[in-house]
Amino acid sequence: QVQLVESGGGLVQTGGSLRLSCAASGHTFGSKATGWFRQAPGKEREWVAHISRTGDNTYYTDSVKGRFTISRDSAKNIVYLQMNSLKSEDTAVYYCGASQRWSREADDYIYWGQGTQVTVSS
């Protein structure tokens, strides 16, 4: 079992920044990837980025490239999502997930956190 807890969401103005954290506990050694996804009201859960267990590999959806950075602190078992130059379309509940596959498909993620709300106001 893997437990994931997100934090760091909030209300920010357009152009602002937030850093989300995903703290993992339990049997995390089996996870090949930790990903961030988001879900806006009335929309499906959307992949944002994911990172390998070692942190050597990262992958981003096109809409956040150059603005978001995913990273991990392996000693603390925390994965971060630094979000800069935020836009109104980034407004969503952000979830982190753990997968035993290197994947951007939500169905491949077995464990999920409870989510954290990010609201970007114009």
N, C-alpha and C. Protein backbone atom coordinates (compact mmCIF):
# COMPACT_ATOMS: atom_id res chain seq x y z
N GLN A 1 0.83 -1.19 0.00
CA GLN A 1 0.00 0.00 0.00
C GLN A 1 0.86 1.24 0.00
N VAL A 2 0.42 2.24 -0.72
CA VAL A 2 1.08 3.55 -0.77
C VAL A 2 0.06 4.61 -0.40
N GLN A 3 0.45 5.49 0.48
CA GLN A 3 -0.42 6.61 0.86
C GLN A 3 0.19 7.90 0.30
N LEU A 4 -0.65 8.71 -0.30
CA LEU A 4 -0.22 9.97 -0.89
C LEU A 4 -1.05 11.11 -0.31
N VAL A 5 -0.37 12.18 0.05
CA VAL A 5 -1.06 13.34 0.61
C VAL A 5 -0.55 14.59 -0.10
N GLU A 6 -1.46 15.29 -0.78
CA GLU A 6 -1.09 16.53 -1.47
C GLU A 6 -1.30 17.73 -0.55
N SER A 7 -0.54 18.77 -0.81
CA SER A 7 -0.72 20.04 -0.12
C SER A 7 -0.16 21.15 -1.00
N GLY A 8 -0.46 22.39 -0.62
CA GLY A 8 0.11 23.53 -1.31
C GLY A 8 -0.82 24.27 -2.24
N GLY A 9 -2.02 23.77 -2.41
CA GLY A 9 -2.96 24.47 -3.28
C GLY A 9 -3.45 25.75 -2.64
N GLY A 10 -4.18 26.54 -3.43
CA GLY A 10 -4.71 27.79 -2.91
C GLY A 10 -5.21 28.68 -4.02
N LEU A 11 -5.46 29.93 -3.64
CA LEU A 11 -5.94 30.94 -4.58
C LEU A 11 -4.78 31.86 -4.96
N VAL A 12 -4.58 32.07 -6.25
CA VAL A 12 -3.47 32.90 -6.71
C VAL A 12 -3.95 33.69 -7.93
N GLN A 13 -3.34 34.83 -8.14
CA GLN A 13 -3.71 35.64 -9.30
C GLN A 13 -2.98 35.15 -10.55
N THR A 14 -3.54 35.49 -11.68
CA THR A 14 -2.91 35.16 -12.96
C THR A 14 -1.46 35.66 -12.97
N GLY A 15 -0.57 34.78 -13.40
CA GLY A 15 0.85 35.11 -13.44
C GLY A 15 1.60 34.73 -12.18
N GLY A 16 0.87 34.33 -11.16
CA GLY A 16 1.48 33.96 -9.89
C GLY A 16 2.04 32.54 -9.89
N SER A 17 2.51 32.13 -8.73
CA SER A 17 3.15 30.82 -8.57
C SER A 17 2.61 30.08 -7.36
N LEU A 18 2.66 28.77 -7.44
CA LEU A 18 2.36 27.90 -6.32
C LEU A 18 3.28 26.69 -6.41
N ARG A 19 3.56 26.10 -5.26
CA ARG A 19 4.29 24.84 -5.25
C ARG A 19 3.45 23.79 -4.54
N LEU A 20 3.11 22.75 -5.26
CA LEU A 20 2.37 21.64 -4.69
C LEU A 20 3.34 20.57 -4.20
N SER A 21 2.95 19.89 -3.13
CA SER A 21 3.74 18.80 -2.58
C SER A 21 2.91 17.54 -2.53
N CYS A 22 3.56 16.41 -2.76
CA CYS A 22 2.91 15.11 -2.66
C CYS A 22 3.81 14.25 -1.78
N ALA A 23 3.36 14.02 -0.55
CA ALA A 23 4.14 13.23 0.40
C ALA A 23 3.68 11.78 0.33
N ALA A 24 4.64 10.89 0.14
CA ALA A 24 4.33 9.47 -0.01
C ALA A 24 4.81 8.68 1.20
N SER A 25 4.05 7.69 1.58
CA SER A 25 4.45 6.78 2.64
C SER A 25 3.97 5.38 2.28
N GLY A 26 4.51 4.40 2.99
CA GLY A 26 4.16 3.02 2.69
C GLY A 26 5.18 2.39 1.75
N HIS A 27 4.75 1.42 0.97
CA HIS A 27 5.64 0.67 0.09
C HIS A 27 5.84 1.39 -1.23
N THR A 28 6.59 2.48 -1.19
CA THR A 28 6.78 3.31 -2.37
C THR A 28 7.82 2.78 -3.34
N PHE A 29 8.63 1.78 -2.92
CA PHE A 29 9.74 1.34 -3.75
C PHE A 29 9.27 0.70 -5.04
N GLY A 30 8.01 0.23 -5.08
CA GLY A 30 7.51 -0.43 -6.29
C GLY A 30 7.00 0.54 -7.33
N SER A 31 6.93 1.80 -7.04
CA SER A 31 6.38 2.78 -7.97
C SER A 31 7.45 3.24 -8.96
N LYS A 32 7.17 3.09 -10.24
CA LYS A 32 8.10 3.53 -11.26
C LYS A 32 7.90 5.00 -11.61
N ALA A 33 6.72 5.51 -11.36
CA ALA A 33 6.45 6.89 -11.70
C ALA A 33 5.50 7.51 -10.69
N THR A 34 5.70 8.78 -10.44
CA THR A 34 4.76 9.58 -9.66
C THR A 34 4.29 10.69 -10.58
N GLY A 35 3.01 10.82 -10.68
CA GLY A 35 2.46 11.79 -11.63
C GLY A 35 1.55 12.81 -10.97
N TRP A 36 1.44 13.95 -11.61
CA TRP A 36 0.46 14.96 -11.23
C TRP A 36 -0.61 15.01 -12.33
N PHE A 37 -1.84 15.01 -11.88
CA PHE A 37 -2.98 15.13 -12.76
C PHE A 37 -3.85 16.27 -12.24
N ARG A 38 -4.76 16.73 -13.07
CA ARG A 38 -5.69 17.75 -12.61
C ARG A 38 -7.06 17.50 -13.22
N GLN A 39 -8.06 17.98 -12.50
CA GLN A 39 -9.43 17.81 -12.96
C GLN A 39 -10.22 19.08 -12.70
N ALA A 40 -10.66 19.69 -13.77
CA ALA A 40 -11.50 20.89 -13.68
C ALA A 40 -12.96 20.46 -13.64
N PRO A 41 -13.84 21.30 -13.12
CA PRO A 41 -15.26 20.95 -13.06
C PRO A 41 -15.83 20.58 -14.43
N GLY A 42 -16.50 19.44 -14.49
CA GLY A 42 -17.11 19.00 -15.72
C GLY A 42 -16.17 18.39 -16.73
N LYS A 43 -14.91 18.23 -16.36
CA LYS A 43 -13.92 17.68 -17.30
C LYS A 43 -13.31 16.41 -16.74
N GLU A 44 -12.70 15.64 -17.61
CA GLU A 44 -12.02 14.43 -17.18
C GLU A 44 -10.68 14.77 -16.54
N ARG A 45 -10.19 13.82 -15.77
CA ARG A 45 -8.87 14.00 -15.15
C ARG A 45 -7.82 14.04 -16.25
N GLU A 46 -6.94 15.04 -16.16
CA GLU A 46 -5.96 15.32 -17.20
C GLU A 46 -4.55 15.14 -16.64
N TRP A 47 -3.72 14.42 -17.39
CA TRP A 47 -2.32 14.26 -16.99
C TRP A 47 -1.59 15.58 -17.15
N VAL A 48 -0.73 15.91 -16.17
CA VAL A 48 0.05 17.15 -16.19
C VAL A 48 1.54 16.85 -16.37
N ALA A 49 2.06 15.97 -15.54
CA ALA A 49 3.49 15.66 -15.58
C ALA A 49 3.73 14.39 -14.77
N HIS A 50 4.85 13.72 -15.04
CA HIS A 50 5.25 12.65 -14.15
C HIS A 50 6.76 12.55 -14.11
N ILE A 51 7.25 11.88 -13.07
CA ILE A 51 8.67 11.80 -12.80
C ILE A 51 9.01 10.37 -12.41
N SER A 52 10.22 9.94 -12.77
CA SER A 52 10.64 8.59 -12.46
C SER A 52 11.01 8.47 -10.98
N ARG A 53 11.17 7.22 -10.54
CA ARG A 53 11.51 6.97 -9.15
C ARG A 53 12.82 7.62 -8.77
N THR A 54 13.77 7.64 -9.68
CA THR A 54 15.07 8.24 -9.38
C THR A 54 15.07 9.76 -9.58
N GLY A 55 14.07 10.25 -10.28
CA GLY A 55 14.03 11.68 -10.58
C GLY A 55 14.79 12.06 -11.84
N ASP A 56 15.38 11.08 -12.50
CA ASP A 56 16.20 11.37 -13.68
C ASP A 56 15.37 11.71 -14.91
N ASN A 57 14.15 11.22 -14.94
CA ASN A 57 13.30 11.43 -16.11
C ASN A 57 12.02 12.14 -15.72
N THR A 58 11.66 13.13 -16.53
CA THR A 58 10.42 13.88 -16.33
C THR A 58 9.71 14.04 -17.67
N TYR A 59 8.43 14.28 -17.60
CA TYR A 59 7.63 14.37 -18.83
C TYR A 59 6.45 15.29 -18.53
N TYR A 60 6.16 16.20 -19.48
CA TYR A 60 5.13 17.21 -19.25
C TYR A 60 4.14 17.26 -20.40
N THR A 61 2.92 17.60 -20.07
CA THR A 61 1.98 17.91 -21.13
C THR A 61 2.35 19.25 -21.74
N ASP A 62 2.03 19.43 -23.01
CA ASP A 62 2.50 20.61 -23.73
C ASP A 62 2.04 21.92 -23.10
N SER A 63 0.86 21.95 -22.54
CA SER A 63 0.30 23.20 -22.03
C SER A 63 1.03 23.74 -20.81
N VAL A 64 1.86 22.93 -20.16
CA VAL A 64 2.55 23.40 -18.96
C VAL A 64 4.06 23.46 -19.15
N LYS A 65 4.55 23.01 -20.29
CA LYS A 65 6.00 23.03 -20.53
C LYS A 65 6.53 24.45 -20.43
N GLY A 66 7.64 24.60 -19.71
CA GLY A 66 8.24 25.91 -19.53
C GLY A 66 7.65 26.70 -18.38
N ARG A 67 6.54 26.22 -17.84
CA ARG A 67 5.90 26.91 -16.70
C ARG A 67 5.92 26.06 -15.44
N PHE A 68 5.74 24.75 -15.58
CA PHE A 68 5.70 23.84 -14.43
C PHE A 68 6.97 23.01 -14.39
N THR A 69 7.38 22.69 -13.17
CA THR A 69 8.54 21.82 -12.99
C THR A 69 8.21 20.77 -11.94
N ILE A 70 8.38 19.51 -12.31
CA ILE A 70 8.18 18.42 -11.36
C ILE A 70 9.55 17.98 -10.85
N SER A 71 9.63 17.71 -9.56
CA SER A 71 10.90 17.29 -8.97
C SER A 71 10.58 16.41 -7.77
N ARG A 72 11.62 15.77 -7.25
CA ARG A 72 11.39 14.93 -6.07
C ARG A 72 12.57 15.03 -5.12
N ASP A 73 12.22 14.89 -3.85
CA ASP A 73 13.21 14.77 -2.78
C ASP A 73 13.10 13.33 -2.29
N SER A 74 14.00 12.49 -2.77
CA SER A 74 13.89 11.07 -2.47
C SER A 74 14.09 10.77 -0.99
N ALA A 75 14.92 11.57 -0.33
CA ALA A 75 15.17 11.34 1.09
C ALA A 75 13.90 11.56 1.91
N LYS A 76 13.07 12.50 1.47
CA LYS A 76 11.84 12.82 2.19
C LYS A 76 10.62 12.14 1.57
N ASN A 77 10.80 11.48 0.44
CA ASN A 77 9.68 10.85 -0.27
C ASN A 77 8.59 11.87 -0.63
N ILE A 78 9.02 12.99 -1.15
CA ILE A 78 8.10 14.04 -1.55
C ILE A 78 8.33 14.38 -3.02
N VAL A 79 7.26 14.51 -3.76
CA VAL A 79 7.31 14.98 -5.15
C VAL A 79 6.65 16.35 -5.19
N TYR A 80 7.32 17.27 -5.87
CA TYR A 80 6.83 18.64 -5.95
C TYR A 80 6.36 18.97 -7.36
N LEU A 81 5.47 19.93 -7.43
CA LEU A 81 5.10 20.52 -8.71
C LEU A 81 5.16 22.03 -8.54
N GLN A 82 6.24 22.62 -9.05
CA GLN A 82 6.38 24.07 -9.04
C GLN A 82 5.63 24.64 -10.23
N MET A 83 4.68 25.51 -9.97
CA MET A 83 3.84 26.06 -11.02
C MET A 83 4.05 27.57 -11.08
N ASN A 84 4.57 28.04 -12.19
CA ASN A 84 4.81 29.47 -12.41
C ASN A 84 3.95 29.99 -13.55
N SER A 85 3.84 31.28 -13.65
CA SER A 85 3.07 31.92 -14.73
C SER A 85 1.69 31.29 -14.87
N LEU A 86 1.01 31.16 -13.76
CA LEU A 86 -0.27 30.47 -13.75
C LEU A 86 -1.33 31.23 -14.55
N LYS A 87 -2.18 30.45 -15.19
CA LYS A 87 -3.26 30.98 -16.02
C LYS A 87 -4.59 30.51 -15.45
N SER A 88 -5.66 31.18 -15.85
CA SER A 88 -6.98 30.80 -15.35
C SER A 88 -7.32 29.35 -15.74
N GLU A 89 -6.83 28.91 -16.89
CA GLU A 89 -7.12 27.55 -17.33
C GLU A 89 -6.39 26.47 -16.53
N ASP A 90 -5.50 26.90 -15.63
CA ASP A 90 -4.83 25.95 -14.74
C ASP A 90 -5.70 25.63 -13.51
N THR A 91 -6.79 26.34 -13.36
CA THR A 91 -7.68 26.11 -12.23
C THR A 91 -8.25 24.70 -12.27
N ALA A 92 -8.05 23.96 -11.18
CA ALA A 92 -8.49 22.57 -11.11
C ALA A 92 -8.14 22.01 -9.75
N VAL A 93 -8.64 20.82 -9.47
CA VAL A 93 -8.15 20.04 -8.35
C VAL A 93 -6.96 19.23 -8.87
N TYR A 94 -5.85 19.34 -8.18
CA TYR A 94 -4.64 18.64 -8.58
C TYR A 94 -4.44 17.41 -7.71
N TYR A 95 -4.18 16.29 -8.38
CA TYR A 95 -3.97 15.01 -7.70
C TYR A 95 -2.59 14.46 -8.03
N CYS A 96 -1.99 13.81 -7.06
CA CYS A 96 -0.79 13.04 -7.40
C CYS A 96 -1.15 11.57 -7.34
N GLY A 97 -0.45 10.80 -8.16
CA GLY A 97 -0.70 9.38 -8.24
C GLY A 97 0.61 8.62 -8.37
N ALA A 98 0.58 7.36 -8.00
CA ALA A 98 1.75 6.49 -8.10
C ALA A 98 1.42 5.31 -9.01
N SER A 99 2.36 5.01 -9.91
CA SER A 99 2.14 3.96 -10.90
C SER A 99 3.33 3.02 -10.93
N GLN A 100 3.05 1.76 -11.25
CA GLN A 100 4.12 0.79 -11.45
C GLN A 100 4.57 0.78 -12.91
N ARG A 101 4.02 1.68 -13.70
CA ARG A 101 4.39 1.82 -15.10
C ARG A 101 4.81 3.26 -15.37
N TRP A 102 5.67 3.43 -16.36
CA TRP A 102 6.05 4.77 -16.82
C TRP A 102 4.95 5.20 -17.78
N SER A 103 4.01 5.98 -17.27
CA SER A 103 2.78 6.20 -18.03
C SER A 103 2.19 7.57 -17.74
N ARG A 104 1.46 8.09 -18.71
CA ARG A 104 0.69 9.31 -18.52
C ARG A 104 -0.81 9.03 -18.52
N GLU A 105 -1.17 7.75 -18.48
CA GLU A 105 -2.57 7.35 -18.45
C GLU A 105 -3.05 7.19 -17.02
N ALA A 106 -4.12 7.88 -16.68
CA ALA A 106 -4.63 7.84 -15.31
C ALA A 106 -4.97 6.41 -14.88
N ASP A 107 -5.43 5.58 -15.83
CA ASP A 107 -5.81 4.21 -15.49
C ASP A 107 -4.62 3.38 -15.01
N ASP A 108 -3.41 3.80 -15.34
CA ASP A 108 -2.22 3.06 -14.92
C ASP A 108 -1.77 3.43 -13.51
N TYR A 109 -2.40 4.44 -12.94
CA TYR A 109 -2.03 4.89 -11.60
C TYR A 109 -2.91 4.20 -10.57
N ILE A 110 -2.25 3.51 -9.66
CA ILE A 110 -2.96 2.67 -8.70
C ILE A 110 -3.35 3.45 -7.45
N TYR A 111 -2.44 4.30 -7.02
CA TYR A 111 -2.65 5.02 -5.76
C TYR A 111 -2.83 6.51 -6.05
N TRP A 112 -3.73 7.12 -5.30
CA TRP A 112 -4.05 8.53 -5.48
C TRP A 112 -4.15 9.24 -4.15
N GLY A 113 -3.81 10.52 -4.18
CA GLY A 113 -4.06 11.36 -3.01
C GLY A 113 -5.47 11.91 -3.07
N GLN A 114 -5.78 12.74 -2.10
CA GLN A 114 -7.15 13.28 -1.99
C GLN A 114 -7.36 14.52 -2.84
N GLY A 115 -6.29 15.09 -3.33
CA GLY A 115 -6.37 16.27 -4.19
C GLY A 115 -6.22 17.57 -3.43
N THR A 116 -5.77 18.59 -4.14
CA THR A 116 -5.65 19.93 -3.57
C THR A 116 -6.13 20.93 -4.62
N GLN A 117 -6.94 21.89 -4.18
CA GLN A 117 -7.56 22.83 -5.10
C GLN A 117 -6.60 23.96 -5.46
N VAL A 118 -6.49 24.23 -6.75
CA VAL A 118 -5.74 25.38 -7.24
C VAL A 118 -6.72 26.26 -8.01
N THR A 119 -6.82 27.51 -7.58
CA THR A 119 -7.70 28.46 -8.24
C THR A 119 -6.88 29.67 -8.68
N VAL A 120 -6.93 29.95 -9.97
CA VAL A 120 -6.20 31.09 -10.53
C VAL A 120 -7.22 32.13 -10.96
N SER A 121 -7.15 33.30 -10.33
CA SER A 121 -8.12 34.36 -10.63
C SER A 121 -7.50 35.40 -11.54
N SER A 122 -8.32 35.95 -12.41
CA SER A 122 -7.83 36.96 -13.35
C SER A 122 -8.08 38.36 -12.82
